[in-house]
Amino acid sequence: MTTSDDQRISEDRREALRYALAIGSGAALASAMTTTPASAQAAADNTLDRVRANKVLRIAVLPGELPYFNKDLASGTWSGFSIEMANDIAKLLDVKLEYVESTYGNSVLDLQAGKIDLGFALNPTPQRALVIDFCGTVFPHPFGAMLKKGLEAKTWADINKPDVKIAVDVGSANEAVARRFAPNATIKSLKSRDEVMLEMASGRVDVVVNALILGLTAIAKNPNLGTYKILTSPSVAIPSSMGVRREFDKRWRDFLAVWIDYNRGIGQMREWFVKGLGLAGVKSEDVPVELSI
């Protein structure tokens, strides 16, 4: 190869490099022109990146909401089903937890305001889905019935009879479920959950329709209330999920969705749930085997 050939090849490479740089500059310019301020801000403010950079995961904690949350007043230590989940997520990300006391309703507002990174034990209602994202179903929270001793029921049809007296708290999901699936029963709507439990304890009603956690924890406090059964035909449940801030980059939401599916699949989620119920006095053998978690 002659010197002139080397010079020609070198010149060709330089020309190719100039061409590539020109294309790259044009692409970068086009990208800059098409990127909106909103998407640029969202990409720069991704929750997953911020959590890992700050080494802190901020979660909403709800005092007294067993089995999800429990605070030891003497030590200030938090425990419960949601805390077990949060600890595992924090360990995976190698970050510390920061607790922000809140309520179910305020958790949604706190996510919108950027005060927290993750909210637990949230029902993904259509209204909430307009303002925050959800990470899939942690478990479908089933409805069923507290049955007085000696009464057997497996399906809604078993309590959908005029001679069956049912107590529910007025205006609640419990009342809506009872009136939809046991409309032929004698339904008493009372002002509060406490009044409902008093009605059951006094023997003035045969059944209390409620969600599983409410039923199990009430019977754990007072075994004389009877037994709890998840009713079927049909199965009635409201999903319990985790909420995150609505943002352009979905990596945080998607990571948590995979984390949920994985821990449900290996049975870890059920173990944490049963442990949380234990804080409310519920024995592991009292948790229905048919519970899908």
Protein backbone atom coordinates (compact mmCIF):
# COMPACT_ATOMS: atom_id res chain seq x y z
CA MET A 1 0.00 0.00 0.00
CA THR A 2 1.44 3.39 -1.05
CA THR A 3 1.65 6.57 0.97
CA SER A 4 -1.06 8.10 -1.19
CA ASP A 5 -3.34 5.14 -0.39
CA ASP A 6 -2.78 5.67 3.36
CA GLN A 7 -3.58 9.35 2.99
CA ARG A 8 -6.75 8.59 1.05
CA ILE A 9 -7.97 6.05 3.66
CA SER A 10 -7.17 8.46 6.46
CA GLU A 11 -9.09 11.20 4.70
CA ASP A 12 -12.03 8.83 4.12
CA ARG A 13 -12.12 8.00 7.87
CA ARG A 14 -12.07 11.67 8.79
CA GLU A 15 -14.91 12.31 6.37
CA ALA A 16 -16.88 9.40 7.81
CA LEU A 17 -16.29 10.72 11.34
CA ARG A 18 -17.47 14.19 10.37
CA TYR A 19 -20.58 12.64 8.81
CA ALA A 20 -21.32 10.58 11.94
CA LEU A 21 -20.87 13.61 14.17
CA ALA A 22 -23.19 15.61 11.97
CA ILE A 23 -25.85 12.92 12.18
CA GLY A 24 -25.39 12.65 15.95
CA SER A 25 -25.68 16.39 16.42
CA GLY A 26 -28.81 16.45 14.31
CA ALA A 27 -30.36 13.59 16.29
CA ALA A 28 -29.51 15.25 19.58
CA LEU A 29 -31.01 18.51 18.35
CA ALA A 30 -34.15 16.73 17.18
CA SER A 31 -34.42 14.95 20.53
CA ALA A 32 -34.04 18.21 22.40
CA MET A 33 -36.69 19.83 20.24
CA THR A 34 -39.19 16.99 20.76
CA THR A 35 -38.63 16.54 24.52
CA THR A 36 -41.28 18.45 26.44
CA PRO A 37 -40.45 20.23 29.71
CA ALA A 38 -42.89 17.93 31.53
CA SER A 39 -41.27 14.73 30.27
CA ALA A 40 -37.77 16.07 30.93
CA GLN A 41 -38.70 16.98 34.50
CA ALA A 42 -40.38 13.60 35.06
CA ALA A 43 -37.37 11.71 33.73
CA ALA A 44 -35.06 13.69 36.01
CA ASP A 45 -37.28 13.14 39.06
CA ASN A 46 -37.76 9.38 38.94
CA THR A 47 -38.63 7.88 42.33
CA LEU A 48 -36.42 4.80 41.97
CA ASP A 49 -33.36 6.90 41.11
CA ARG A 50 -34.05 9.35 43.94
CA VAL A 51 -34.54 6.59 46.54
CA ARG A 52 -31.28 4.92 45.57
CA ALA A 53 -29.39 8.21 45.42
CA ASN A 54 -30.66 9.45 48.79
CA LYS A 55 -30.45 5.99 50.38
CA VAL A 56 -33.89 6.59 51.93
CA LEU A 57 -37.31 5.07 51.20
CA ARG A 58 -40.16 7.16 52.61
CA ILE A 59 -43.31 5.18 53.41
CA ALA A 60 -46.68 6.10 54.89
CA VAL A 61 -47.38 4.42 58.23
CA LEU A 62 -50.85 4.24 59.77
CA PRO A 63 -50.98 3.97 63.58
CA GLY A 64 -53.30 1.26 64.90
CA GLU A 65 -54.11 -0.26 61.52
CA LEU A 66 -53.42 -3.93 62.25
CA PRO A 67 -52.31 -6.21 60.68
CA TYR A 68 -50.60 -3.72 58.37
CA PHE A 69 -49.09 -1.39 60.96
CA ASN A 70 -48.38 -1.50 64.68
CA LYS A 71 -46.31 0.97 66.68
CA ASP A 72 -44.80 0.06 70.03
CA LEU A 73 -45.46 3.19 72.07
CA ALA A 74 -42.64 2.44 74.49
CA SER A 75 -39.87 1.94 71.93
CA GLY A 76 -41.35 3.68 68.90
CA THR A 77 -40.68 0.56 66.83
CA TRP A 78 -42.98 -0.21 63.90
CA SER A 79 -44.08 -3.71 62.93
CA GLY A 80 -46.81 -5.38 60.90
CA PHE A 81 -47.51 -6.81 57.46
CA SER A 82 -46.67 -3.61 55.57
CA ILE A 83 -43.53 -3.04 57.61
CA GLU A 84 -42.30 -6.55 56.75
CA MET A 85 -42.80 -5.73 53.08
CA ALA A 86 -41.11 -2.34 53.40
CA ASN A 87 -38.11 -3.84 55.20
CA ASP A 88 -37.60 -6.35 52.39
CA ILE A 89 -37.82 -3.68 49.68
CA ALA A 90 -35.39 -1.45 51.58
CA LYS A 91 -32.96 -4.35 51.97
CA LEU A 92 -33.06 -5.07 48.24
CA LEU A 93 -32.32 -1.44 47.42
CA ASP A 94 -29.78 -1.05 50.25
CA VAL A 95 -31.61 1.95 51.70
CA LYS A 96 -33.08 3.01 55.04
CA LEU A 97 -36.77 3.46 55.82
CA GLU A 98 -38.27 6.80 56.79
CA TYR A 99 -41.73 6.66 58.41
CA VAL A 100 -44.32 9.33 57.65
CA GLU A 101 -47.47 8.98 59.78
CA SER A 102 -50.60 9.26 57.69
CA THR A 103 -54.05 7.78 57.01
CA TYR A 104 -55.47 5.78 54.10
CA GLY A 105 -56.91 8.88 52.45
CA ASN A 106 -53.93 11.10 53.18
CA SER A 107 -51.52 8.48 51.79
CA VAL A 108 -52.88 9.26 48.32
CA LEU A 109 -52.43 13.01 48.90
CA ASP A 110 -48.93 12.44 50.30
CA LEU A 111 -47.96 10.53 47.15
CA GLN A 112 -49.25 13.32 44.95
CA ALA A 113 -47.37 15.92 46.99
CA GLY A 114 -44.12 13.95 46.89
CA LYS A 115 -44.03 13.52 50.68
CA ILE A 116 -43.72 9.73 50.45
CA ASP A 117 -42.42 7.22 47.91
CA LEU A 118 -44.74 4.33 48.69
CA GLY A 119 -48.18 3.79 50.21
CA PHE A 120 -49.34 0.40 51.50
CA ALA A 121 -52.73 -1.27 52.00
CA LEU A 122 -54.50 0.92 49.45
CA ASN A 123 -57.58 -0.22 47.54
CA PRO A 124 -57.12 0.67 43.85
CA THR A 125 -60.41 2.46 43.24
CA PRO A 126 -61.08 4.12 39.86
CA GLN A 127 -61.03 7.53 41.56
CA ARG A 128 -57.60 6.94 43.07
CA ALA A 129 -56.27 5.53 39.79
CA LEU A 130 -56.88 8.94 38.21
CA VAL A 131 -54.20 10.54 40.40
CA ILE A 132 -51.69 7.83 41.42
CA ASP A 133 -50.36 4.55 40.05
CA PHE A 134 -50.86 1.10 41.58
CA CYS A 135 -48.39 -1.78 41.55
CA GLY A 136 -50.68 -4.76 41.12
CA THR A 137 -52.55 -6.80 43.71
CA VAL A 138 -50.81 -7.69 46.97
CA PHE A 139 -53.83 -9.84 47.78
CA PRO A 140 -57.56 -9.87 47.06
CA HIS A 141 -59.17 -8.96 50.41
CA PRO A 142 -62.21 -11.27 50.56
CA PHE A 143 -65.60 -10.65 52.10
CA GLY A 144 -67.40 -13.24 54.16
CA ALA A 145 -69.31 -13.57 57.39
CA MET A 146 -68.91 -13.92 61.11
CA LEU A 147 -71.30 -16.74 62.00
CA LYS A 148 -72.81 -17.35 65.41
CA LYS A 149 -71.81 -20.62 67.00
CA GLY A 150 -73.65 -23.53 65.47
CA LEU A 151 -74.47 -21.74 62.21
CA GLU A 152 -72.86 -23.13 59.05
CA ALA A 153 -72.50 -21.28 55.77
CA LYS A 154 -70.25 -21.66 52.73
CA THR A 155 -72.01 -19.54 50.11
CA TRP A 156 -73.99 -16.31 50.05
CA ALA A 157 -77.11 -18.35 49.35
CA ASP A 158 -76.72 -19.98 52.77
CA ILE A 159 -77.35 -16.64 54.53
CA ASN A 160 -79.71 -15.16 51.91
CA LYS A 161 -82.82 -16.16 53.84
CA PRO A 162 -85.48 -14.10 55.67
CA ASP A 163 -84.89 -15.96 58.93
CA VAL A 164 -81.19 -15.01 58.96
CA LYS A 165 -80.51 -11.73 60.80
CA ILE A 166 -77.46 -9.81 59.54
CA ALA A 167 -75.78 -6.77 61.12
CA VAL A 168 -73.66 -4.28 59.15
CA ASP A 169 -72.31 -0.77 59.70
CA VAL A 170 -74.36 1.72 57.72
CA GLY A 171 -72.89 3.21 54.55
CA SER A 172 -69.96 0.80 54.49
CA ALA A 173 -68.72 -1.64 51.86
CA ASN A 174 -69.93 -4.34 54.26
CA GLU A 175 -73.51 -3.07 53.94
CA ALA A 176 -73.24 -2.82 50.15
CA VAL A 177 -72.01 -6.41 49.90
CA ALA A 178 -74.70 -7.74 52.25
CA ARG A 179 -77.53 -6.00 50.41
CA ARG A 180 -76.27 -7.16 47.03
CA PHE A 181 -75.56 -10.81 47.81
CA ALA A 182 -78.01 -11.49 50.66
CA PRO A 183 -80.98 -9.24 49.82
CA ASN A 184 -83.53 -11.70 51.22
CA ALA A 185 -81.97 -11.76 54.69
CA THR A 186 -83.13 -9.49 57.52
CA ILE A 187 -80.45 -6.78 57.48
CA LYS A 188 -79.90 -4.38 60.39
CA SER A 189 -77.80 -1.29 59.56
CA LEU A 190 -76.11 0.17 62.63
CA LYS A 191 -74.14 3.38 63.16
CA SER A 192 -70.73 1.89 63.95
CA ARG A 193 -68.65 -1.28 63.94
CA ASP A 194 -68.79 -1.32 67.74
CA GLU A 195 -72.59 -1.43 67.65
CA VAL A 196 -72.44 -4.23 65.09
CA MET A 197 -70.17 -6.31 67.33
CA LEU A 198 -72.36 -5.62 70.37
CA GLU A 199 -75.38 -6.83 68.41
CA MET A 200 -73.53 -10.03 67.54
CA ALA A 201 -72.21 -10.57 71.07
CA SER A 202 -75.69 -10.16 72.55
CA GLY A 203 -77.12 -12.78 70.19
CA ARG A 204 -79.58 -10.39 68.53
CA VAL A 205 -78.20 -11.23 65.08
CA ASP A 206 -76.90 -14.42 63.50
CA VAL A 207 -74.37 -13.01 61.07
CA VAL A 208 -72.06 -10.06 60.56
CA VAL A 209 -70.97 -9.47 56.97
CA ASN A 210 -67.50 -7.95 56.73
CA ALA A 211 -64.07 -8.25 55.15
CA LEU A 212 -61.73 -10.98 56.34
CA ILE A 213 -59.36 -8.87 58.43
CA LEU A 214 -62.18 -7.20 60.37
CA GLY A 215 -63.82 -10.54 61.04
CA LEU A 216 -60.69 -12.40 62.13
CA THR A 217 -59.43 -9.64 64.43
CA ALA A 218 -62.85 -9.19 66.07
CA ILE A 219 -63.13 -12.90 66.84
CA ALA A 220 -59.55 -12.96 68.13
CA LYS A 221 -60.58 -10.32 70.69
CA ASN A 222 -63.81 -12.12 71.58
CA PRO A 223 -63.99 -15.80 70.55
CA ASN A 224 -67.63 -15.91 71.70
CA LEU A 225 -68.56 -13.99 68.55
CA GLY A 226 -68.38 -17.25 66.61
CA THR A 227 -66.39 -18.23 63.53
CA TYR A 228 -65.40 -16.50 60.31
CA LYS A 229 -65.98 -17.94 56.84
CA ILE A 230 -65.05 -16.62 53.41
CA LEU A 231 -68.28 -16.98 51.42
CA THR A 232 -68.31 -18.02 47.77
CA SER A 233 -70.65 -18.35 44.79
CA PRO A 234 -69.66 -15.71 44.00
CA SER A 235 -66.31 -14.87 45.57
CA VAL A 236 -66.33 -11.20 46.57
CA ALA A 237 -63.08 -9.34 47.18
CA ILE A 238 -61.50 -5.89 46.95
CA PRO A 239 -57.83 -5.80 45.86
CA SER A 240 -55.27 -4.53 48.35
CA SER A 241 -52.39 -2.85 46.59
CA MET A 242 -49.44 -0.50 46.94
CA GLY A 243 -49.58 3.03 45.54
CA VAL A 244 -46.85 5.17 44.00
CA ARG A 245 -46.65 8.66 42.58
CA ARG A 246 -47.81 9.07 38.98
CA GLU A 247 -44.71 9.74 36.89
CA PHE A 248 -43.49 9.45 33.28
CA ASP A 249 -40.80 6.86 34.08
CA LYS A 250 -42.54 3.66 35.28
CA ARG A 251 -39.47 1.78 36.56
CA TRP A 252 -40.40 2.23 40.24
CA ARG A 253 -43.93 0.96 39.70
CA ASP A 254 -42.76 -1.91 37.49
CA PHE A 255 -40.07 -2.99 39.96
CA LEU A 256 -42.63 -3.16 42.76
CA ALA A 257 -45.10 -5.10 40.59
CA VAL A 258 -42.46 -7.76 39.92
CA TRP A 259 -41.51 -7.77 43.61
CA ILE A 260 -45.15 -8.42 44.58
CA ASP A 261 -45.60 -11.27 42.10
CA TYR A 262 -42.34 -12.90 43.17
CA ASN A 263 -43.11 -12.84 46.90
CA ARG A 264 -46.66 -14.07 46.36
CA GLY A 265 -45.33 -16.89 44.22
CA ILE A 266 -42.88 -18.19 46.83
CA GLY A 267 -45.36 -17.93 49.71
CA GLN A 268 -43.48 -15.12 51.45
CA MET A 269 -46.40 -12.70 51.26
CA ARG A 270 -48.68 -15.10 53.15
CA GLU A 271 -46.04 -15.60 55.84
CA TRP A 272 -45.74 -11.85 56.41
CA PHE A 273 -49.54 -11.48 56.42
CA VAL A 274 -50.06 -14.22 59.01
CA LYS A 275 -47.29 -12.70 61.14
CA GLY A 276 -49.05 -9.33 61.02
CA LEU A 277 -52.37 -10.89 62.00
CA GLY A 278 -50.58 -12.49 64.94
CA LEU A 279 -50.01 -8.99 66.35
CA ALA A 280 -53.82 -8.73 66.61
CA GLY A 281 -54.10 -12.10 68.35
CA VAL A 282 -55.14 -14.09 65.28
CA LYS A 283 -53.69 -17.62 65.27
CA SER A 284 -52.17 -18.93 62.05
CA GLU A 285 -54.60 -21.87 62.01
CA ASP A 286 -57.53 -19.43 62.02
CA VAL A 287 -56.46 -17.88 58.70
CA PRO A 288 -58.55 -19.58 55.99
CA VAL A 289 -56.47 -21.85 53.77
CA GLU A 290 -58.46 -20.67 50.76
CA LEU A 291 -57.19 -17.11 51.19
CA SER A 292 -55.27 -16.21 48.03
CA ILE A 293 -52.14 -14.32 49.01
